[in-house]
Amino acid sequence: MNETKPALPTIAEEDRTPFVDALLELLAWQMKRIEALEQEVLKLKGETTKPKIKPSKMDDDDNNSSTPKKSERTSKADSNKTAQIKIDETITIQPENIPTDSRFKGFGALSPKVH
């Protein structure tokens, strides 16, 4: 499989006929098909194939982006949600059984009153 494939010959424009153009097009199609089949064989054998690498998006202009960044979306959503919450009363509920080796850390069971 490490054989080098011959390149398509360059034919001068005056030597090209519709038949020669059709043959060159057929050769190019066959070379693409052979490459795809070789990749399929490698895939079926479990060997590595050529990786499909997406182009870098670092060059994209972020200023033209109409969607806000994730940090901007979450901060707006959080502030809107907390502005709508109305707390009538806060009740402290003591647990029934407290282990003897436990200690109070300054936070705990605070919940709004259930109606």
C-alpha atoms as a PDB file:
ATOM      1  CA  MET A   1       0.000   0.000   0.000  1.00  0.00           C
ATOM      2  CA  ASN A   2       2.993   2.333   0.294  1.00  0.00           C
ATOM      3  CA  GLU A   3       3.313   2.537  -3.482  1.00  0.00           C
ATOM      4  CA  THR A   4       3.238   6.035  -4.891  1.00  0.00           C
ATOM      5  CA  LYS A   5       0.399   6.686  -7.269  1.00  0.00           C
ATOM      6  CA  PRO A   6       1.271   8.134 -10.646  1.00  0.00           C
ATOM      7  CA  ALA A   7       0.143  11.687 -11.259  1.00  0.00           C
ATOM      8  CA  LEU A   8      -2.199  12.516 -14.075  1.00  0.00           C
ATOM      9  CA  PRO A   9      -0.260  13.679 -17.105  1.00  0.00           C
ATOM     10  CA  THR A  10      -0.500  17.263 -18.222  1.00  0.00           C
ATOM     11  CA  ILE A  11      -1.721  17.448 -21.780  1.00  0.00           C
ATOM     12  CA  ALA A  12      -1.320  20.547 -23.884  1.00  0.00           C
ATOM     13  CA  GLU A  13      -4.557  22.331 -24.800  1.00  0.00           C
ATOM     14  CA  GLU A  14      -4.055  21.736 -28.532  1.00  0.00           C
ATOM     15  CA  ASP A  15      -3.757  17.965 -27.921  1.00  0.00           C
ATOM     16  CA  ARG A  16      -6.971  17.790 -25.861  1.00  0.00           C
ATOM     17  CA  THR A  17     -10.043  16.366 -27.455  1.00  0.00           C
ATOM     18  CA  PRO A  18     -13.424  15.675 -25.846  1.00  0.00           C
ATOM     19  CA  PHE A  19     -12.413  12.019 -25.623  1.00  0.00           C
ATOM     20  CA  VAL A  20      -9.119  12.840 -23.844  1.00  0.00           C
ATOM     21  CA  ASP A  21     -10.968  15.156 -21.433  1.00  0.00           C
ATOM     22  CA  ALA A  22     -13.460  12.384 -20.667  1.00  0.00           C
ATOM     23  CA  LEU A  23     -10.626   9.906 -20.027  1.00  0.00           C
ATOM     24  CA  LEU A  24      -8.824  12.336 -17.693  1.00  0.00           C
ATOM     25  CA  GLU A  25     -12.069  12.947 -15.812  1.00  0.00           C
ATOM     26  CA  LEU A  26     -12.614   9.199 -15.517  1.00  0.00           C
ATOM     27  CA  LEU A  27      -9.068   8.708 -14.201  1.00  0.00           C
ATOM     28  CA  ALA A  28      -9.534  11.431 -11.588  1.00  0.00           C
ATOM     29  CA  TRP A  29     -12.834   9.874 -10.470  1.00  0.00           C
ATOM     30  CA  GLN A  30     -11.216   6.432 -10.216  1.00  0.00           C
ATOM     31  CA  MET A  31      -8.328   7.797  -8.130  1.00  0.00           C
ATOM     32  CA  LYS A  32     -10.796   9.381  -5.667  1.00  0.00           C
ATOM     33  CA  ARG A  33     -12.820   6.155  -5.510  1.00  0.00           C
ATOM     34  CA  ILE A  34      -9.710   4.039  -4.883  1.00  0.00           C
ATOM     35  CA  GLU A  35      -8.654   6.384  -2.056  1.00  0.00           C
ATOM     36  CA  ALA A  36     -12.096   6.083  -0.464  1.00  0.00           C
ATOM     37  CA  LEU A  37     -12.021   2.293  -0.739  1.00  0.00           C
ATOM     38  CA  GLU A  38      -8.533   2.137   0.781  1.00  0.00           C
ATOM     39  CA  GLN A  39      -9.770   4.195   3.731  1.00  0.00           C
ATOM     40  CA  GLU A  40     -12.769   1.879   4.112  1.00  0.00           C
ATOM     41  CA  VAL A  41     -10.469  -1.177   4.161  1.00  0.00           C
ATOM     42  CA  LEU A  42      -8.317   0.446   6.862  1.00  0.00           C
ATOM     43  CA  LYS A  43     -11.421   1.276   8.863  1.00  0.00           C
ATOM     44  CA  LEU A  44     -12.738  -2.285   8.635  1.00  0.00           C
ATOM     45  CA  LYS A  45      -9.345  -3.670   9.654  1.00  0.00           C
ATOM     46  CA  GLY A  46      -9.407  -1.390  12.696  1.00  0.00           C
ATOM     47  CA  GLU A  47      -6.338   0.508  11.592  1.00  0.00           C
ATOM     48  CA  THR A  48      -6.150   4.241  11.747  1.00  0.00           C
ATOM     49  CA  THR A  49      -7.532   6.306   8.934  1.00  0.00           C
ATOM     50  CA  LYS A  50      -6.811   9.865   8.024  1.00  0.00           C
ATOM     51  CA  PRO A  51      -8.304  12.128  10.709  1.00  0.00           C
ATOM     52  CA  LYS A  52     -11.055  14.544   9.689  1.00  0.00           C
ATOM     53  CA  ILE A  53      -9.806  17.847  11.066  1.00  0.00           C
ATOM     54  CA  LYS A  54     -12.189  20.777  11.038  1.00  0.00           C
ATOM     55  CA  PRO A  55     -10.785  24.176  10.088  1.00  0.00           C
ATOM     56  CA  SER A  56      -9.734  26.494  12.883  1.00  0.00           C
ATOM     57  CA  LYS A  57     -12.299  29.008  14.080  1.00  0.00           C
ATOM     58  CA  MET A  58      -9.699  31.264  15.677  1.00  0.00           C
ATOM     59  CA  ASP A  59      -9.723  33.557  12.646  1.00  0.00           C
ATOM     60  CA  ASP A  60     -13.489  34.084  12.818  1.00  0.00           C
ATOM     61  CA  ASP A  61     -14.489  37.611  13.814  1.00  0.00           C
ATOM     62  CA  ASP A  62     -16.235  37.393  17.206  1.00  0.00           C
ATOM     63  CA  ASN A  63     -17.462  40.981  16.971  1.00  0.00           C
ATOM     64  CA  ASN A  64     -20.016  40.065  14.312  1.00  0.00           C
ATOM     65  CA  SER A  65     -21.502  37.293  16.426  1.00  0.00           C
ATOM     66  CA  SER A  66     -25.180  37.923  17.157  1.00  0.00           C
ATOM     67  CA  THR A  67     -25.401  35.331  19.945  1.00  0.00           C
ATOM     68  CA  PRO A  68     -24.058  36.399  23.347  1.00  0.00           C
ATOM     69  CA  LYS A  69     -21.258  34.486  25.005  1.00  0.00           C
ATOM     70  CA  LYS A  70     -22.146  31.818  27.546  1.00  0.00           C
ATOM     71  CA  SER A  71     -21.011  33.923  30.513  1.00  0.00           C
ATOM     72  CA  GLU A  72     -23.213  36.819  29.357  1.00  0.00           C
ATOM     73  CA  ARG A  73     -26.256  34.570  28.978  1.00  0.00           C
ATOM     74  CA  THR A  74     -25.966  32.931  32.408  1.00  0.00           C
ATOM     75  CA  SER A  75     -25.436  36.183  34.307  1.00  0.00           C
ATOM     76  CA  LYS A  76     -28.532  37.768  32.733  1.00  0.00           C
ATOM     77  CA  ALA A  77     -30.612  34.638  33.300  1.00  0.00           C
ATOM     78  CA  ASP A  78     -29.533  34.356  36.959  1.00  0.00           C
ATOM     79  CA  SER A  79     -30.266  37.993  37.749  1.00  0.00           C
ATOM     80  CA  ASN A  80     -33.704  37.769  36.128  1.00  0.00           C
ATOM     81  CA  LYS A  81     -34.624  34.663  38.112  1.00  0.00           C
ATOM     82  CA  THR A  82     -33.544  36.053  41.479  1.00  0.00           C
ATOM     83  CA  ALA A  83     -35.380  39.322  40.859  1.00  0.00           C
ATOM     84  CA  GLN A  84     -38.660  37.412  40.494  1.00  0.00           C
ATOM     85  CA  ILE A  85     -38.358  35.352  43.704  1.00  0.00           C
ATOM     86  CA  LYS A  86     -40.447  36.672  46.601  1.00  0.00           C
ATOM     87  CA  ILE A  87     -39.625  35.267  50.062  1.00  0.00           C
ATOM     88  CA  ASP A  88     -42.352  35.855  52.655  1.00  0.00           C
ATOM     89  CA  GLU A  89     -40.766  34.208  55.664  1.00  0.00           C
ATOM     90  CA  THR A  90     -37.676  32.200  56.621  1.00  0.00           C
ATOM     91  CA  ILE A  91     -37.978  29.299  59.079  1.00  0.00           C
ATOM     92  CA  THR A  92     -35.098  27.469  60.783  1.00  0.00           C
ATOM     93  CA  ILE A  93     -35.793  23.756  61.200  1.00  0.00           C
ATOM     94  CA  GLN A  94     -33.744  21.840  63.753  1.00  0.00           C
ATOM     95  CA  PRO A  95     -32.889  18.201  62.987  1.00  0.00           C
ATOM     96  CA  GLU A  96     -34.303  15.485  65.233  1.00  0.00           C
ATOM     97  CA  ASN A  97     -31.094  13.483  65.765  1.00  0.00           C
ATOM     98  CA  ILE A  98     -27.733  15.255  65.890  1.00  0.00           C
ATOM     99  CA  PRO A  99     -24.639  13.002  66.084  1.00  0.00           C
ATOM    100  CA  THR A 100     -22.393  13.754  69.082  1.00  0.00           C
ATOM    101  CA  ASP A 101     -19.248  14.157  66.956  1.00  0.00           C
ATOM    102  CA  SER A 102     -20.850  16.707  64.575  1.00  0.00           C
ATOM    103  CA  ARG A 103     -20.216  20.460  64.639  1.00  0.00           C
ATOM    104  CA  PHE A 104     -22.167  23.461  63.374  1.00  0.00           C
ATOM    105  CA  LYS A 105     -20.557  25.160  60.355  1.00  0.00           C
ATOM    106  CA  GLY A 106     -22.793  28.208  60.179  1.00  0.00           C
ATOM    107  CA  PHE A 107     -25.137  27.141  57.423  1.00  0.00           C
ATOM    108  CA  GLY A 108     -27.895  24.649  57.100  1.00  0.00           C
ATOM    109  CA  ALA A 109     -31.591  24.026  56.780  1.00  0.00           C
ATOM    110  CA  LEU A 110     -33.110  27.362  55.830  1.00  0.00           C
ATOM    111  CA  SER A 111     -36.197  27.043  53.689  1.00  0.00           C
ATOM    112  CA  PRO A 112     -39.137  29.245  52.781  1.00  0.00           C
ATOM    113  CA  LYS A 113     -42.433  28.648  54.569  1.00  0.00           C
ATOM    114  CA  VAL A 114     -44.617  26.058  52.922  1.00  0.00           C
ATOM    115  CA  HIS A 115     -48.196  27.276  52.498  1.00  0.00           C
END
